[in-house]
Amino acid sequence: MYTDGACSGNPGPGGWAWAEVDGGFGAGAEPHTTNQRMEVTAAFEAVKSHTDAIEIVSDSTYVVNCFNDRWHEGWIRRGWRNSQRQPVANRDLWEPFINLVLERGNVSFRWVKGHAGDPMNDLVDRLAVEAATAQRLLTGDAPPKVLGPPDTFGTGESMTLF
């Protein structure tokens, strides 16, 4: 399961997306958000939408390191404070996401380099950008067939979803 977040400006209009290899996808938008929030939302929505064991593949070290480097354990131990003793950013997203992942026990995370030619990473990037640009929900049971180029906020590029 690949995930990505996008934001035009930071903060600004944002989008998130997840997609399965040769499978379905989901994407959504927020009118005023940050890229980090969209990265977390993408992974959280992917986990919520699938009950089977899954691997989340993300170009966000923020998402992947939270779990693989166990940042969440320190946050919880310190009362939702980071290593600099500041409140954890995006706690409203992190707390339910972390609780769900820990409760399920069947979610793993892997980092992939963004914008490096990985077809699935490019797909979720395009979906997240389209969701952010159009400010709408996008879903499908099969991969979209036509996509615009990645990172094309406001260029008029669009995708055919079926």
Protein backbone atom coordinates (compact mmCIF):
# COMPACT_ATOMS: atom_id res chain seq x y z
CA MET A 1 0.00 0.00 0.00
CA TYR A 2 1.63 3.23 -1.17
CA THR A 3 0.73 6.57 0.41
CA ASP A 4 1.54 10.22 -0.21
CA GLY A 5 0.53 13.70 0.83
CA ALA A 6 0.72 16.96 -1.11
CA CYS A 7 0.21 20.60 -0.29
CA SER A 8 0.19 23.74 -2.44
CA GLY A 9 1.90 26.13 -0.11
CA ASN A 10 2.66 25.01 3.39
CA PRO A 11 0.09 25.65 4.76
CA GLY A 12 -2.33 25.66 1.88
CA PRO A 13 -4.77 23.37 0.09
CA GLY A 14 -3.66 19.79 0.54
CA GLY A 15 -4.41 16.28 -0.59
CA TRP A 16 -3.64 12.75 0.52
CA ALA A 17 -3.76 9.42 -1.31
CA TRP A 18 -3.22 5.69 -0.95
CA ALA A 19 -3.14 3.03 -3.64
CA GLU A 20 -2.69 -0.71 -3.82
CA VAL A 21 -0.46 -2.30 -6.44
CA ASP A 22 -2.90 -3.40 -9.20
CA GLY A 23 -5.79 -2.49 -6.93
CA GLY A 24 -7.95 0.25 -5.56
CA PHE A 25 -7.15 3.72 -4.36
CA GLY A 26 -8.49 6.52 -2.21
CA ALA A 27 -7.70 10.20 -1.97
CA GLY A 28 -9.08 13.22 -0.19
CA ALA A 29 -8.42 16.88 0.48
CA GLU A 30 -8.27 19.62 3.08
CA PRO A 31 -8.66 23.30 2.18
CA HIS A 32 -6.00 24.57 4.62
CA THR A 33 -3.37 22.16 5.90
CA THR A 34 0.32 21.20 5.79
CA ASN A 35 2.28 18.63 3.86
CA GLN A 36 3.12 16.73 7.06
CA ARG A 37 -0.54 16.47 8.01
CA MET A 38 -1.38 15.12 4.56
CA GLU A 39 1.42 12.52 4.76
CA VAL A 40 0.10 11.27 8.12
CA THR A 41 -3.50 11.36 6.91
CA ALA A 42 -2.63 9.32 3.80
CA ALA A 43 -1.08 6.52 5.84
CA PHE A 44 -3.83 6.65 8.49
CA GLU A 45 -6.58 6.45 5.84
CA ALA A 46 -4.82 3.50 4.17
CA VAL A 47 -4.67 1.60 7.46
CA LYS A 48 -8.31 2.43 8.28
CA SER A 49 -9.48 1.24 4.87
CA HIS A 50 -7.86 -2.21 5.07
CA THR A 51 -8.14 -4.76 7.85
CA ASP A 52 -5.67 -7.32 6.51
CA ALA A 53 -1.95 -7.14 7.20
CA ILE A 54 -0.43 -4.35 5.14
CA GLU A 55 2.84 -2.64 4.49
CA ILE A 56 2.65 1.14 4.19
CA VAL A 57 5.21 2.39 1.66
CA SER A 58 5.79 6.13 1.99
CA ASP A 59 8.32 8.75 0.93
CA SER A 60 7.71 10.48 4.27
CA THR A 61 10.40 9.83 6.85
CA TYR A 62 8.04 11.58 9.29
CA VAL A 63 5.55 8.71 8.92
CA VAL A 64 7.98 5.81 8.52
CA ASN A 65 10.36 6.83 11.33
CA CYS A 66 7.52 7.34 13.77
CA PHE A 67 6.97 3.60 13.69
CA ASN A 68 10.26 2.06 12.56
CA ASP A 69 12.37 4.20 14.90
CA ARG A 70 9.67 4.06 17.59
CA TRP A 71 9.32 7.82 17.98
CA HIS A 72 5.81 7.17 19.25
CA GLU A 73 7.12 5.37 22.33
CA GLY A 74 9.04 8.46 23.46
CA TRP A 75 6.11 10.75 22.67
CA ILE A 76 3.78 8.68 24.81
CA ARG A 77 6.32 8.23 27.62
CA ARG A 78 6.91 12.01 27.72
CA GLY A 79 3.20 12.86 27.75
CA TRP A 80 3.02 13.69 24.03
CA ARG A 81 6.15 15.84 24.08
CA ASN A 82 8.91 15.44 21.50
CA SER A 83 12.62 15.02 22.29
CA GLN A 84 12.92 18.82 22.66
CA ARG A 85 10.10 18.70 25.25
CA GLN A 86 7.74 20.57 22.91
CA PRO A 87 4.18 19.37 22.22
CA VAL A 88 4.11 16.76 19.45
CA ALA A 89 2.96 18.39 16.22
CA ASN A 90 -0.18 16.88 14.71
CA ARG A 91 -1.03 14.93 17.86
CA ASP A 92 -4.71 15.00 16.87
CA LEU A 93 -3.78 12.76 13.91
CA TRP A 94 -0.91 10.82 15.42
CA GLU A 95 -2.66 9.63 18.57
CA PRO A 96 -5.55 7.75 16.92
CA PHE A 97 -3.26 6.54 14.10
CA ILE A 98 -0.65 5.15 16.50
CA ASN A 99 -3.35 3.56 18.66
CA LEU A 100 -4.85 1.83 15.61
CA VAL A 101 -1.48 0.52 14.37
CA LEU A 102 -0.54 -0.77 17.82
CA GLU A 103 -3.98 -2.31 18.36
CA ARG A 104 -3.89 -4.11 15.02
CA GLY A 105 -0.30 -5.32 15.17
CA ASN A 106 -0.32 -6.20 11.46
CA VAL A 107 0.95 -2.96 9.89
CA SER A 108 4.54 -2.40 8.79
CA PHE A 109 6.23 0.62 7.24
CA ARG A 110 8.83 1.05 4.51
CA TRP A 111 10.42 4.21 3.13
CA VAL A 112 10.78 4.83 -0.62
CA LYS A 113 12.63 7.75 -2.17
CA GLY A 114 10.13 10.23 -3.56
CA HIS A 115 10.25 11.57 -7.10
CA ALA A 116 12.75 8.90 -8.09
CA GLY A 117 10.77 6.98 -10.70
CA ASP A 118 8.96 4.46 -8.50
CA PRO A 119 5.69 3.99 -10.44
CA MET A 120 3.50 3.51 -7.37
CA ASN A 121 5.04 6.46 -5.53
CA ASP A 122 4.45 8.56 -8.65
CA LEU A 123 0.84 7.32 -8.78
CA VAL A 124 -0.01 8.32 -5.22
CA ASP A 125 1.77 11.64 -5.71
CA ARG A 126 -0.44 12.35 -8.72
CA LEU A 127 -3.57 11.28 -6.85
CA ALA A 128 -2.69 13.48 -3.85
CA VAL A 129 -1.95 16.47 -6.09
CA GLU A 130 -5.21 15.97 -8.01
CA ALA A 131 -7.20 15.70 -4.77
CA ALA A 132 -5.55 18.87 -3.43
CA THR A 133 -6.05 20.79 -6.66
CA ALA A 134 -9.69 19.73 -7.16
CA GLN A 135 -10.45 19.64 -3.40
CA ARG A 136 -12.46 16.47 -3.79
CA LEU A 137 -12.59 12.83 -2.83
CA LEU A 138 -11.25 10.33 -5.36
CA THR A 139 -11.81 6.58 -5.06
CA GLY A 140 -11.76 3.51 -7.22
CA ASP A 141 -11.61 -0.27 -7.10
CA ALA A 142 -8.94 -0.41 -9.82
CA PRO A 143 -5.97 1.81 -10.66
CA PRO A 144 -6.76 5.05 -12.51
CA LYS A 145 -5.99 4.73 -16.21
CA VAL A 146 -4.94 8.27 -17.15
CA LEU A 147 -2.98 10.64 -14.95
CA GLY A 148 -1.38 14.03 -15.33
CA PRO A 149 2.26 14.52 -14.36
CA PRO A 150 3.15 14.62 -10.66
CA ASP A 151 3.37 17.91 -8.76
CA THR A 152 1.26 19.96 -11.18
CA PHE A 153 -0.79 22.16 -8.87
CA GLY A 154 -3.02 24.49 -10.83
CA THR A 155 -1.85 23.50 -14.32
CA GLY A 156 -5.18 22.20 -15.49
CA GLU A 157 -3.86 18.64 -15.71
CA SER A 158 -6.42 16.08 -14.66
CA MET A 159 -6.92 12.38 -14.59
CA THR A 160 -9.53 9.94 -15.80
CA LEU A 161 -10.47 7.71 -12.91
CA PHE A 162 -12.02 4.88 -14.87
